[in-house]
């Protein structure tokens, strides 16, 4: 810890983590949280085990033994109207005593300065701050997901200048205790499989402001979806959340999803127009991606930008079709 940081000069913070079958990832998450550059006396980290069927519980218990700033809870029963991650976070928040609640996923590795960088965004009437996340660099598929996340977050940052909110990101988000309690907590918010978005909207509906933070010191690292089928399951949940968003956001998604079909139709009847549109679209996507990577200082992803355009062109219509298919959302071994 930075010796210049006094426990008396910083607020108490609670970090809430929901874990279900995260044996492959929870160790990295716990080590990153333990390495935070923040006084341990002002920090309490709550890990909720959502009835994991793998070695998650044992790994958590072994790691936090003797560390008084860590707290473990087995979430064995759902509260009325809640299930999954929302149920875990609701129960952890009831015990948390921090002035701020920070949220991260069990497959996330945060930077040591995460808390200080996020705290710096809480000014005036801000009740919720959304951070930045990328994927672990494990190959080209992970790189595509990283750039997609960062470009999406960069777009959210752009719209935030006009006070247009997109969504919360529960893998890297913080709220004031006051704002959380003003909503009544997760137990008072209508259940949603995108619990972060539901909390984000509930806080804004109570008159609080938001910040879409966007700087290198806030970039946390998540595990990518390892296969395309797992990516589709993940995105089906996300798009269901996006469809609850304001009209402008939904129109943005539809425009991105329908661009490739429009391009293919034009290619048959007006090939020159189609090629011109494709070229302009490539320049737009490439410029936004490069600017985003420059701002966030992610140089390892530059070389993937040309390929990302093709990925971006194809993944959006696939996400729309996947969302429209009459199938339930499968997530963490549960059906919603």
C-alpha atoms as a PDB file:
ATOM      1  CA  UNK A   1       0.000   0.000   0.000  1.00  0.00           C
ATOM      2  CA  UNK A   2       1.132   3.542  -0.713  1.00  0.00           C
ATOM      3  CA  UNK A   3       2.472   4.765   2.681  1.00  0.00           C
ATOM      4  CA  UNK A   4       1.172   8.280   1.989  1.00  0.00           C
ATOM      5  CA  UNK A   5      -2.423   7.014   2.111  1.00  0.00           C
ATOM      6  CA  UNK A   6      -3.787   7.271   5.632  1.00  0.00           C
ATOM      7  CA  UNK A   7      -6.688   5.166   6.857  1.00  0.00           C
ATOM      8  CA  UNK A   8      -8.128   8.346   8.372  1.00  0.00           C
ATOM      9  CA  UNK A   9      -8.144  10.170   5.021  1.00  0.00           C
ATOM     10  CA  UNK A  10     -10.159   7.706   2.939  1.00  0.00           C
ATOM     11  CA  UNK A  11     -13.764   6.457   3.190  1.00  0.00           C
ATOM     12  CA  UNK A  12     -14.730   2.922   4.105  1.00  0.00           C
ATOM     13  CA  UNK A  13     -15.405   0.763   1.061  1.00  0.00           C
ATOM     14  CA  UNK A  14     -17.262  -2.516   0.665  1.00  0.00           C
ATOM     15  CA  UNK A  15     -16.538  -4.712  -2.361  1.00  0.00           C
ATOM     16  CA  UNK A  16     -19.272  -7.201  -3.285  1.00  0.00           C
ATOM     17  CA  UNK A  17     -18.467 -10.272  -5.397  1.00  0.00           C
ATOM     18  CA  UNK A  18     -20.939 -12.970  -6.431  1.00  0.00           C
ATOM     19  CA  UNK A  19     -19.297 -16.291  -7.322  1.00  0.00           C
ATOM     20  CA  UNK A  20     -20.892 -19.369  -8.869  1.00  0.00           C
ATOM     21  CA  UNK A  21     -18.691 -22.174 -10.224  1.00  0.00           C
ATOM     22  CA  UNK A  22     -15.652 -19.920 -10.588  1.00  0.00           C
ATOM     23  CA  UNK A  23     -12.942 -22.352  -9.509  1.00  0.00           C
ATOM     24  CA  UNK A  24     -10.864 -21.477 -12.590  1.00  0.00           C
ATOM     25  CA  UNK A  25     -11.011 -17.733 -11.950  1.00  0.00           C
ATOM     26  CA  UNK A  26     -11.670 -16.907  -8.305  1.00  0.00           C
ATOM     27  CA  UNK A  27      -8.025 -17.155  -7.240  1.00  0.00           C
ATOM     28  CA  UNK A  28      -6.935 -14.434  -9.629  1.00  0.00           C
ATOM     29  CA  UNK A  29      -9.827 -12.218  -8.535  1.00  0.00           C
ATOM     30  CA  UNK A  30      -9.021 -12.618  -4.825  1.00  0.00           C
ATOM     31  CA  UNK A  31      -5.307 -11.951  -5.337  1.00  0.00           C
ATOM     32  CA  UNK A  32      -6.091  -8.748  -7.250  1.00  0.00           C
ATOM     33  CA  UNK A  33      -8.496  -7.558  -4.548  1.00  0.00           C
ATOM     34  CA  UNK A  34      -5.944  -8.348  -1.850  1.00  0.00           C
ATOM     35  CA  UNK A  35      -3.338  -6.269  -3.723  1.00  0.00           C
ATOM     36  CA  UNK A  36      -5.492  -3.114  -3.784  1.00  0.00           C
ATOM     37  CA  UNK A  37      -3.602   0.026  -2.813  1.00  0.00           C
ATOM     38  CA  UNK A  38      -6.015   0.915  -0.033  1.00  0.00           C
ATOM     39  CA  UNK A  39      -5.869   0.707   3.771  1.00  0.00           C
ATOM     40  CA  UNK A  40      -7.119  -2.728   4.829  1.00  0.00           C
ATOM     41  CA  UNK A  41      -8.752  -1.195   7.917  1.00  0.00           C
ATOM     42  CA  UNK A  42     -11.048   0.793   5.613  1.00  0.00           C
ATOM     43  CA  UNK A  43     -11.885  -2.106   3.343  1.00  0.00           C
ATOM     44  CA  UNK A  44     -14.272  -5.028   3.632  1.00  0.00           C
ATOM     45  CA  UNK A  45     -14.539  -7.507   0.787  1.00  0.00           C
ATOM     46  CA  UNK A  46     -17.635  -9.720   0.703  1.00  0.00           C
ATOM     47  CA  UNK A  47     -17.568 -12.910  -1.355  1.00  0.00           C
ATOM     48  CA  UNK A  48     -20.930 -14.624  -1.815  1.00  0.00           C
ATOM     49  CA  UNK A  49     -20.878 -18.248  -2.947  1.00  0.00           C
ATOM     50  CA  UNK A  50     -24.007 -18.865  -5.034  1.00  0.00           C
ATOM     51  CA  UNK A  51     -24.298 -22.617  -4.382  1.00  0.00           C
ATOM     52  CA  UNK A  52     -21.241 -23.509  -6.460  1.00  0.00           C
ATOM     53  CA  UNK A  53     -20.888 -27.164  -7.355  1.00  0.00           C
ATOM     54  CA  UNK A  54     -17.143 -27.039  -8.043  1.00  0.00           C
ATOM     55  CA  UNK A  55     -14.172 -26.142  -5.797  1.00  0.00           C
ATOM     56  CA  UNK A  56     -15.075 -22.439  -5.567  1.00  0.00           C
ATOM     57  CA  UNK A  57     -15.957 -22.569  -1.852  1.00  0.00           C
ATOM     58  CA  UNK A  58     -12.769 -24.366  -0.842  1.00  0.00           C
ATOM     59  CA  UNK A  59     -10.587 -21.987  -2.839  1.00  0.00           C
ATOM     60  CA  UNK A  60     -12.223 -18.925  -1.288  1.00  0.00           C
ATOM     61  CA  UNK A  61     -12.006 -20.285   2.248  1.00  0.00           C
ATOM     62  CA  UNK A  62      -8.358 -21.240   1.861  1.00  0.00           C
ATOM     63  CA  UNK A  63      -7.342 -17.888   0.438  1.00  0.00           C
ATOM     64  CA  UNK A  64      -9.135 -15.599   2.883  1.00  0.00           C
ATOM     65  CA  UNK A  65      -8.135 -17.520   6.022  1.00  0.00           C
ATOM     66  CA  UNK A  66      -6.529 -15.057   8.427  1.00  0.00           C
ATOM     67  CA  UNK A  67      -7.435 -12.016   6.297  1.00  0.00           C
ATOM     68  CA  UNK A  68      -9.859  -9.965   8.373  1.00  0.00           C
ATOM     69  CA  UNK A  69     -10.836  -7.638   5.496  1.00  0.00           C
ATOM     70  CA  UNK A  70     -12.323 -10.610   3.598  1.00  0.00           C
ATOM     71  CA  UNK A  71     -15.717 -12.065   4.466  1.00  0.00           C
ATOM     72  CA  UNK A  72     -17.303 -15.228   3.061  1.00  0.00           C
ATOM     73  CA  UNK A  73     -20.983 -16.100   2.873  1.00  0.00           C
ATOM     74  CA  UNK A  74     -22.725 -19.123   1.428  1.00  0.00           C
ATOM     75  CA  UNK A  75     -25.931 -17.859  -0.179  1.00  0.00           C
ATOM     76  CA  UNK A  76     -28.095 -20.920   0.303  1.00  0.00           C
ATOM     77  CA  UNK A  77     -31.595 -19.475   0.008  1.00  0.00           C
ATOM     78  CA  UNK A  78     -33.128 -16.882  -2.331  1.00  0.00           C
ATOM     79  CA  UNK A  79     -34.839 -13.830  -0.963  1.00  0.00           C
ATOM     80  CA  UNK A  80     -38.422 -13.265  -2.181  1.00  0.00           C
ATOM     81  CA  UNK A  81     -38.481 -12.217  -5.833  1.00  0.00           C
ATOM     82  CA  UNK A  82     -34.730 -12.661  -6.308  1.00  0.00           C
ATOM     83  CA  UNK A  83     -32.441 -15.286  -7.772  1.00  0.00           C
ATOM     84  CA  UNK A  84     -28.960 -15.644  -9.155  1.00  0.00           C
ATOM     85  CA  UNK A  85     -26.506 -12.785  -8.901  1.00  0.00           C
ATOM     86  CA  UNK A  86     -29.087 -10.202  -7.796  1.00  0.00           C
ATOM     87  CA  UNK A  87     -29.979 -12.419  -4.831  1.00  0.00           C
ATOM     88  CA  UNK A  88     -26.324 -12.782  -3.815  1.00  0.00           C
ATOM     89  CA  UNK A  89     -25.584  -9.062  -4.047  1.00  0.00           C
ATOM     90  CA  UNK A  90     -28.750  -8.141  -2.134  1.00  0.00           C
ATOM     91  CA  UNK A  91     -27.727 -10.346   0.775  1.00  0.00           C
ATOM     92  CA  UNK A  92     -24.119  -9.160   0.774  1.00  0.00           C
ATOM     93  CA  UNK A  93     -25.176  -5.508   0.665  1.00  0.00           C
ATOM     94  CA  UNK A  94     -27.309  -6.017   3.769  1.00  0.00           C
ATOM     95  CA  UNK A  95     -24.124  -6.786   5.754  1.00  0.00           C
ATOM     96  CA  UNK A  96     -21.772  -4.339   4.024  1.00  0.00           C
ATOM     97  CA  UNK A  97     -20.898  -1.211   5.998  1.00  0.00           C
ATOM     98  CA  UNK A  98     -18.950   0.865   3.484  1.00  0.00           C
ATOM     99  CA  UNK A  99     -19.806   4.384   2.369  1.00  0.00           C
ATOM    100  CA  UNK A 100     -19.388   3.044  -1.164  1.00  0.00           C
ATOM    101  CA  UNK A 101     -20.304  -0.328  -2.667  1.00  0.00           C
ATOM    102  CA  UNK A 102     -17.948  -1.575  -5.379  1.00  0.00           C
ATOM    103  CA  UNK A 103     -18.939  -4.456  -7.646  1.00  0.00           C
ATOM    104  CA  UNK A 104     -16.730  -6.786  -9.660  1.00  0.00           C
ATOM    105  CA  UNK A 105     -17.222 -10.256 -11.093  1.00  0.00           C
ATOM    106  CA  UNK A 106     -15.411 -13.338  -9.853  1.00  0.00           C
ATOM    107  CA  UNK A 107     -13.475 -13.629 -13.131  1.00  0.00           C
ATOM    108  CA  UNK A 108     -12.180 -10.055 -12.946  1.00  0.00           C
ATOM    109  CA  UNK A 109      -8.695  -8.846 -12.024  1.00  0.00           C
ATOM    110  CA  UNK A 110      -8.745  -5.193 -10.954  1.00  0.00           C
ATOM    111  CA  UNK A 111      -5.769  -2.846 -10.917  1.00  0.00           C
ATOM    112  CA  UNK A 112      -4.203  -1.947  -7.539  1.00  0.00           C
ATOM    113  CA  UNK A 113      -5.347   1.676  -7.961  1.00  0.00           C
ATOM    114  CA  UNK A 114      -8.920   0.723  -8.929  1.00  0.00           C
ATOM    115  CA  UNK A 115     -10.585   2.073  -5.796  1.00  0.00           C
ATOM    116  CA  UNK A 116      -8.817   5.441  -5.832  1.00  0.00           C
ATOM    117  CA  UNK A 117      -9.458   5.970  -9.540  1.00  0.00           C
ATOM    118  CA  UNK A 118     -13.151   5.161  -9.188  1.00  0.00           C
ATOM    119  CA  UNK A 119     -13.567   7.219  -6.011  1.00  0.00           C
ATOM    120  CA  UNK A 120     -12.215  10.253  -7.832  1.00  0.00           C
ATOM    121  CA  UNK A 121     -15.285  10.187 -10.103  1.00  0.00           C
ATOM    122  CA  UNK A 122     -17.779  10.659  -7.261  1.00  0.00           C
ATOM    123  CA  UNK A 123     -18.421  14.380  -7.294  1.00  0.00           C
ATOM    124  CA  UNK A 124     -21.506  16.492  -6.755  1.00  0.00           C
ATOM    125  CA  UNK A 125     -24.599  14.300  -7.069  1.00  0.00           C
ATOM    126  CA  UNK A 126     -22.980  11.248  -8.689  1.00  0.00           C
ATOM    127  CA  UNK A 127     -24.521   8.030  -7.374  1.00  0.00           C
ATOM    128  CA  UNK A 128     -23.018   5.481  -9.754  1.00  0.00           C
ATOM    129  CA  UNK A 129     -19.730   5.173 -11.647  1.00  0.00           C
ATOM    130  CA  UNK A 130     -19.140   2.639 -14.430  1.00  0.00           C
ATOM    131  CA  UNK A 131     -15.571   1.519 -15.077  1.00  0.00           C
ATOM    132  CA  UNK A 132     -13.768  -0.079 -18.030  1.00  0.00           C
ATOM    133  CA  UNK A 133     -13.124  -3.758 -18.752  1.00  0.00           C
ATOM    134  CA  UNK A 134     -11.193  -5.728 -21.368  1.00  0.00           C
ATOM    135  CA  UNK A 135     -10.383  -9.402 -21.853  1.00  0.00           C
ATOM    136  CA  UNK A 136      -7.304 -11.379 -20.889  1.00  0.00           C
ATOM    137  CA  UNK A 137      -5.027 -11.468 -23.983  1.00  0.00           C
ATOM    138  CA  UNK A 138      -5.314 -15.134 -24.932  1.00  0.00           C
ATOM    139  CA  UNK A 139      -5.554 -14.877 -28.733  1.00  0.00           C
ATOM    140  CA  UNK A 140      -7.458 -13.274 -31.589  1.00  0.00           C
ATOM    141  CA  UNK A 141     -10.944 -14.282 -30.385  1.00  0.00           C
ATOM    142  CA  UNK A 142     -10.281 -12.713 -26.986  1.00  0.00           C
ATOM    143  CA  UNK A 143      -8.872  -9.631 -28.733  1.00  0.00           C
ATOM    144  CA  UNK A 144     -12.085  -9.224 -30.740  1.00  0.00           C
ATOM    145  CA  UNK A 145     -14.088  -9.320 -27.519  1.00  0.00           C
ATOM    146  CA  UNK A 146     -11.708  -6.829 -25.889  1.00  0.00           C
ATOM    147  CA  UNK A 147     -12.006  -4.281 -28.671  1.00  0.00           C
ATOM    148  CA  UNK A 148     -15.772  -4.788 -28.801  1.00  0.00           C
ATOM    149  CA  UNK A 149     -16.065  -4.068 -25.069  1.00  0.00           C
ATOM    150  CA  UNK A 150     -13.760  -1.052 -25.203  1.00  0.00           C
ATOM    151  CA  UNK A 151     -15.442   0.454 -28.277  1.00  0.00           C
ATOM    152  CA  UNK A 152     -18.862  -0.048 -26.678  1.00  0.00           C
ATOM    153  CA  UNK A 153     -17.681   1.619 -23.480  1.00  0.00           C
ATOM    154  CA  UNK A 154     -16.124   4.421 -25.515  1.00  0.00           C
ATOM    155  CA  UNK A 155     -19.477   4.961 -27.231  1.00  0.00           C
ATOM    156  CA  UNK A 156     -21.161   5.076 -23.827  1.00  0.00           C
ATOM    157  CA  UNK A 157     -18.568   7.616 -22.708  1.00  0.00           C
ATOM    158  CA  UNK A 158     -19.325   9.771 -25.764  1.00  0.00           C
ATOM    159  CA  UNK A 159     -23.069   9.793 -25.081  1.00  0.00           C
ATOM    160  CA  UNK A 160     -22.476  10.475 -21.395  1.00  0.00           C
ATOM    161  CA  UNK A 161     -21.215  13.962 -22.280  1.00  0.00           C
ATOM    162  CA  UNK A 162     -24.850  14.685 -23.200  1.00  0.00           C
ATOM    163  CA  UNK A 163     -26.093  12.975 -20.014  1.00  0.00           C
ATOM    164  CA  UNK A 164     -27.450  10.038 -22.035  1.00  0.00           C
ATOM    165  CA  UNK A 165     -27.110   6.867 -19.920  1.00  0.00           C
ATOM    166  CA  UNK A 166     -26.548   3.503 -21.551  1.00  0.00           C
ATOM    167  CA  UNK A 167     -26.065   0.830 -18.909  1.00  0.00           C
ATOM    168  CA  UNK A 168     -24.323  -0.266 -15.766  1.00  0.00           C
ATOM    169  CA  UNK A 169     -21.554  -2.854 -15.974  1.00  0.00           C
ATOM    170  CA  UNK A 170     -21.648  -5.019 -12.878  1.00  0.00           C
ATOM    171  CA  UNK A 171     -18.156  -6.381 -13.450  1.00  0.00           C
ATOM    172  CA  UNK A 172     -16.650  -2.933 -12.817  1.00  0.00           C
ATOM    173  CA  UNK A 173     -19.050  -0.522 -11.136  1.00  0.00           C
ATOM    174  CA  UNK A 174     -19.397   1.460  -7.918  1.00  0.00           C
ATOM    175  CA  UNK A 175     -22.310   3.180  -6.181  1.00  0.00           C
ATOM    176  CA  UNK A 176     -22.655   5.281  -3.077  1.00  0.00           C
ATOM    177  CA  UNK A 177     -24.266   3.574  -0.133  1.00  0.00           C
ATOM    178  CA  UNK A 178     -26.766   6.427  -0.032  1.00  0.00           C
ATOM    179  CA  UNK A 179     -27.818   5.881  -3.652  1.00  0.00           C
ATOM    180  CA  UNK A 180     -28.093   2.122  -3.196  1.00  0.00           C
ATOM    181  CA  UNK A 181     -30.291   2.471  -0.103  1.00  0.00           C
ATOM    182  CA  UNK A 182     -32.403   5.107  -1.852  1.00  0.00           C
ATOM    183  CA  UNK A 183     -33.503   2.419  -4.330  1.00  0.00           C
ATOM    184  CA  UNK A 184     -34.449   0.062  -1.507  1.00  0.00           C
ATOM    185  CA  UNK A 185     -31.697  -2.301  -2.643  1.00  0.00           C
ATOM    186  CA  UNK A 186     -31.994  -5.245  -5.000  1.00  0.00           C
ATOM    187  CA  UNK A 187     -34.821  -6.642  -2.923  1.00  0.00           C
ATOM    188  CA  UNK A 188     -36.936  -3.597  -3.872  1.00  0.00           C
ATOM    189  CA  UNK A 189     -35.887  -3.461  -7.544  1.00  0.00           C
ATOM    190  CA  UNK A 190     -37.887  -5.534 -10.012  1.00  0.00           C
ATOM    191  CA  UNK A 191     -35.862  -8.669 -10.781  1.00  0.00           C
ATOM    192  CA  UNK A 192     -33.809  -8.634 -13.971  1.00  0.00           C
ATOM    193  CA  UNK A 193     -31.226 -11.051 -15.352  1.00  0.00           C
ATOM    194  CA  UNK A 194     -29.157  -7.920 -16.047  1.00  0.00           C
ATOM    195  CA  UNK A 195     -29.093  -6.857 -12.422  1.00  0.00           C
ATOM    196  CA  UNK A 196     -26.397  -4.222 -12.983  1.00  0.00           C
ATOM    197  CA  UNK A 197     -28.549  -2.389 -15.517  1.00  0.00           C
ATOM    198  CA  UNK A 198     -31.562  -2.604 -13.189  1.00  0.00           C
ATOM    199  CA  UNK A 199     -29.585  -1.050 -10.318  1.00  0.00           C
ATOM    200  CA  UNK A 200     -28.089   1.595 -12.621  1.00  0.00           C
ATOM    201  CA  UNK A 201     -31.535   2.660 -13.820  1.00  0.00           C
ATOM    202  CA  UNK A 202     -33.023   2.571 -10.307  1.00  0.00           C
ATOM    203  CA  UNK A 203     -30.309   4.914  -9.019  1.00  0.00           C
ATOM    204  CA  UNK A 204     -30.802   7.354 -11.897  1.00  0.00           C
ATOM    205  CA  UNK A 205     -34.571   7.280 -11.348  1.00  0.00           C
ATOM    206  CA  UNK A 206     -33.922   8.565  -7.809  1.00  0.00           C
ATOM    207  CA  UNK A 207     -32.317  11.711  -9.225  1.00  0.00           C
ATOM    208  CA  UNK A 208     -28.652  10.734  -8.950  1.00  0.00           C
ATOM    209  CA  UNK A 209     -26.118  11.469 -11.681  1.00  0.00           C
ATOM    210  CA  UNK A 210     -23.790   8.933 -13.288  1.00  0.00           C
ATOM    211  CA  UNK A 211     -20.245   8.910 -14.627  1.00  0.00           C
ATOM    212  CA  UNK A 212     -19.042   6.698 -17.449  1.00  0.00           C
ATOM    213  CA  UNK A 213     -15.392   6.654 -16.397  1.00  0.00           C
ATOM    214  CA  UNK A 214     -12.843   6.200 -19.166  1.00  0.00           C
ATOM    215  CA  UNK A 215      -9.150   6.193 -18.323  1.00  0.00           C
ATOM    216  CA  UNK A 216      -6.284   3.655 -18.303  1.00  0.00           C
ATOM    217  CA  UNK A 217      -6.170   3.316 -14.506  1.00  0.00           C
ATOM    218  CA  UNK A 218      -9.705   1.932 -14.483  1.00  0.00           C
ATOM    219  CA  UNK A 219      -9.225  -0.922 -16.947  1.00  0.00           C
ATOM    220  CA  UNK A 220      -9.939  -4.269 -15.302  1.00  0.00           C
ATOM    221  CA  UNK A 221      -9.277  -7.599 -17.004  1.00  0.00           C
ATOM    222  CA  UNK A 222     -11.978 -10.252 -17.453  1.00  0.00           C
ATOM    223  CA  UNK A 223     -11.916 -13.746 -18.868  1.00  0.00           C
ATOM    224  CA  UNK A 224     -13.228 -13.964 -22.468  1.00  0.00           C
ATOM    225  CA  UNK A 225     -15.918 -16.342 -23.597  1.00  0.00           C
ATOM    226  CA  UNK A 226     -13.769 -19.284 -24.741  1.00  0.00           C
ATOM    227  CA  UNK A 227     -16.104 -20.506 -27.499  1.00  0.00           C
ATOM    228  CA  UNK A 228     -18.556 -18.912 -29.886  1.00  0.00           C
ATOM    229  CA  UNK A 229     -21.514 -20.808 -28.389  1.00  0.00           C
ATOM    230  CA  UNK A 230     -20.648 -19.500 -24.921  1.00  0.00           C
ATOM    231  CA  UNK A 231     -20.331 -16.000 -26.362  1.00  0.00           C
ATOM    232  CA  UNK A 232     -23.852 -16.294 -27.785  1.00  0.00           C
ATOM    233  CA  UNK A 233     -25.247 -17.381 -24.409  1.00  0.00           C
ATOM    234  CA  UNK A 234     -23.548 -14.415 -22.781  1.00  0.00           C
ATOM    235  CA  UNK A 235     -24.785 -11.973 -25.412  1.00  0.00           C
ATOM    236  CA  UNK A 236     -28.372 -13.222 -25.303  1.00  0.00           C
ATOM    237  CA  UNK A 237     -28.480 -12.111 -21.674  1.00  0.00           C
ATOM    238  CA  UNK A 238     -26.879  -8.773 -22.507  1.00  0.00           C
ATOM    239  CA  UNK A 239     -29.180  -7.989 -25.418  1.00  0.00           C
ATOM    240  CA  UNK A 240     -32.216  -8.731 -23.262  1.00  0.00           C
ATOM    241  CA  UNK A 241     -30.914  -6.002 -20.999  1.00  0.00           C
ATOM    242  CA  UNK A 242     -30.236  -3.653 -23.900  1.00  0.00           C
ATOM    243  CA  UNK A 243     -33.837  -4.033 -25.040  1.00  0.00           C
ATOM    244  CA  UNK A 244     -34.946  -2.488 -21.754  1.00  0.00           C
ATOM    245  CA  UNK A 245     -32.840   0.599 -22.503  1.00  0.00           C
ATOM    246  CA  UNK A 246     -34.107   3.938 -23.884  1.00  0.00           C
ATOM    247  CA  UNK A 247     -35.219   4.073 -27.528  1.00  0.00           C
ATOM    248  CA  UNK A 248     -32.025   5.775 -28.755  1.00  0.00           C
ATOM    249  CA  UNK A 249     -29.899   2.919 -27.447  1.00  0.00           C
ATOM    250  CA  UNK A 250     -32.157   0.276 -28.985  1.00  0.00           C
ATOM    251  CA  UNK A 251     -32.095   2.089 -32.331  1.00  0.00           C
ATOM    252  CA  UNK A 252     -28.292   2.174 -32.207  1.00  0.00           C
ATOM    253  CA  UNK A 253     -28.211  -1.593 -31.720  1.00  0.00           C
ATOM    254  CA  UNK A 254     -30.712  -2.232 -34.541  1.00  0.00           C
ATOM    255  CA  UNK A 255     -28.749   0.044 -36.890  1.00  0.00           C
ATOM    256  CA  UNK A 256     -25.536  -1.889 -36.200  1.00  0.00           C
ATOM    257  CA  UNK A 257     -27.280  -5.247 -36.565  1.00  0.00           C
ATOM    258  CA  UNK A 258     -29.016  -4.387 -39.840  1.00  0.00           C
ATOM    259  CA  UNK A 259     -26.039  -2.738 -41.544  1.00  0.00           C
ATOM    260  CA  UNK A 260     -24.611  -5.985 -42.980  1.00  0.00           C
ATOM    261  CA  UNK A 261     -27.948  -7.193 -44.461  1.00  0.00           C
ATOM    262  CA  UNK A 262     -28.430  -3.739 -45.999  1.00  0.00           C
ATOM    263  CA  UNK A 263     -24.916  -3.871 -47.415  1.00  0.00           C
ATOM    264  CA  UNK A 264     -25.523  -7.284 -49.010  1.00  0.00           C
ATOM    265  CA  UNK A 265     -28.744  -6.086 -50.637  1.00  0.00           C
ATOM    266  CA  UNK A 266     -27.029  -2.991 -52.016  1.00  0.00           C
ATOM    267  CA  UNK A 267     -24.164  -5.133 -53.301  1.00  0.00           C
ATOM    268  CA  UNK A 268     -26.602  -6.947 -55.606  1.00  0.00           C
ATOM    269  CA  UNK A 269     -28.277  -3.823 -56.997  1.00  0.00           C
ATOM    270  CA  UNK A 270     -25.898  -0.907 -56.388  1.00  0.00           C
ATOM    271  CA  UNK A 271     -22.428  -2.404 -55.961  1.00  0.00           C
ATOM    272  CA  UNK A 272     -20.594   0.920 -56.129  1.00  0.00           C
ATOM    273  CA  UNK A 273     -22.776   2.384 -53.385  1.00  0.00           C
ATOM    274  CA  UNK A 274     -22.280  -0.763 -51.307  1.00  0.00           C
ATOM    275  CA  UNK A 275     -18.496  -0.610 -51.647  1.00  0.00           C
ATOM    276  CA  UNK A 276     -18.452   3.080 -50.755  1.00  0.00           C
ATOM    277  CA  UNK A 277     -20.595   2.478 -47.673  1.00  0.00           C
ATOM    278  CA  UNK A 278     -18.396  -0.461 -46.634  1.00  0.00           C
ATOM    279  CA  UNK A 279     -15.282   1.687 -46.969  1.00  0.00           C
ATOM    280  CA  UNK A 280     -16.775   4.523 -44.916  1.00  0.00           C
ATOM    281  CA  UNK A 281     -17.989   2.070 -42.299  1.00  0.00           C
ATOM    282  CA  UNK A 282     -14.536   0.514 -42.071  1.00  0.00           C
ATOM    283  CA  UNK A 283     -12.926   3.933 -41.577  1.00  0.00           C
ATOM    284  CA  UNK A 284     -15.450   4.889 -38.917  1.00  0.00           C
ATOM    285  CA  UNK A 285     -15.068   1.647 -36.939  1.00  0.00           C
ATOM    286  CA  UNK A 286     -11.273   1.629 -37.293  1.00  0.00           C
ATOM    287  CA  UNK A 287     -10.918   5.265 -36.218  1.00  0.00           C
ATOM    288  CA  UNK A 288     -13.180   4.806 -33.199  1.00  0.00           C
ATOM    289  CA  UNK A 289     -11.330   1.623 -32.209  1.00  0.00           C
ATOM    290  CA  UNK A 290      -7.865   3.174 -32.551  1.00  0.00           C
ATOM    291  CA  UNK A 291      -8.887   6.324 -30.671  1.00  0.00           C
ATOM    292  CA  UNK A 292     -10.350   4.183 -27.890  1.00  0.00           C
ATOM    293  CA  UNK A 293      -7.198   2.077 -27.612  1.00  0.00           C
ATOM    294  CA  UNK A 294      -5.034   5.203 -27.583  1.00  0.00           C
ATOM    295  CA  UNK A 295      -7.032   6.836 -24.799  1.00  0.00           C
ATOM    296  CA  UNK A 296      -7.003   3.661 -22.697  1.00  0.00           C
ATOM    297  CA  UNK A 297      -3.384   2.792 -23.541  1.00  0.00           C
ATOM    298  CA  UNK A 298      -4.009  -0.718 -24.887  1.00  0.00           C
ATOM    299  CA  UNK A 299      -1.333  -0.991 -27.633  1.00  0.00           C
ATOM    300  CA  UNK A 300      -1.407  -4.798 -27.806  1.00  0.00           C
ATOM    301  CA  UNK A 301      -4.786  -4.580 -29.555  1.00  0.00           C
ATOM    302  CA  UNK A 302      -3.822  -2.227 -32.415  1.00  0.00           C
ATOM    303  CA  UNK A 303      -2.926  -5.023 -34.823  1.00  0.00           C
ATOM    304  CA  UNK A 304      -6.367  -6.583 -34.483  1.00  0.00           C
ATOM    305  CA  UNK A 305      -8.305  -3.475 -35.565  1.00  0.00           C
ATOM    306  CA  UNK A 306      -8.621  -4.362 -39.307  1.00  0.00           C
ATOM    307  CA  UNK A 307      -9.939  -7.838 -38.462  1.00  0.00           C
ATOM    308  CA  UNK A 308     -12.204  -6.361 -35.807  1.00  0.00           C
ATOM    309  CA  UNK A 309     -14.163  -4.545 -38.510  1.00  0.00           C
ATOM    310  CA  UNK A 310     -15.178  -7.893 -40.036  1.00  0.00           C
ATOM    311  CA  UNK A 311     -16.013  -9.283 -36.599  1.00  0.00           C
ATOM    312  CA  UNK A 312     -18.086  -6.209 -35.768  1.00  0.00           C
ATOM    313  CA  UNK A 313     -19.885  -6.408 -39.112  1.00  0.00           C
ATOM    314  CA  UNK A 314     -20.903 -10.034 -38.538  1.00  0.00           C
ATOM    315  CA  UNK A 315     -21.438 -10.304 -34.773  1.00  0.00           C
ATOM    316  CA  UNK A 316     -24.171  -7.664 -34.536  1.00  0.00           C
ATOM    317  CA  UNK A 317     -26.710  -9.321 -36.883  1.00  0.00           C
ATOM    318  CA  UNK A 318     -25.910 -12.675 -35.242  1.00  0.00           C
ATOM    319  CA  UNK A 319     -26.643 -11.130 -31.832  1.00  0.00           C
ATOM    320  CA  UNK A 320     -29.987  -9.823 -33.089  1.00  0.00           C
ATOM    321  CA  UNK A 321     -30.985 -13.209 -34.519  1.00  0.00           C
ATOM    322  CA  UNK A 322     -29.815 -14.924 -31.326  1.00  0.00           C
ATOM    323  CA  UNK A 323     -31.929 -12.541 -29.253  1.00  0.00           C
ATOM    324  CA  UNK A 324     -35.038 -13.095 -31.414  1.00  0.00           C
ATOM    325  CA  UNK A 325     -34.822 -16.886 -31.254  1.00  0.00           C
ATOM    326  CA  UNK A 326     -37.475 -18.212 -28.837  1.00  0.00           C
ATOM    327  CA  UNK A 327     -35.068 -19.802 -26.389  1.00  0.00           C
ATOM    328  CA  UNK A 328     -34.528 -19.092 -22.679  1.00  0.00           C
ATOM    329  CA  UNK A 329     -31.382 -17.484 -21.347  1.00  0.00           C
ATOM    330  CA  UNK A 330     -28.907 -20.031 -19.988  1.00  0.00           C
ATOM    331  CA  UNK A 331     -26.446 -18.544 -17.504  1.00  0.00           C
ATOM    332  CA  UNK A 332     -24.211 -20.120 -14.849  1.00  0.00           C
ATOM    333  CA  UNK A 333     -26.122 -23.386 -15.053  1.00  0.00           C
ATOM    334  CA  UNK A 334     -29.508 -21.732 -14.564  1.00  0.00           C
ATOM    335  CA  UNK A 335     -32.358 -21.008 -16.946  1.00  0.00           C
ATOM    336  CA  UNK A 336     -34.055 -17.572 -16.972  1.00  0.00           C
END
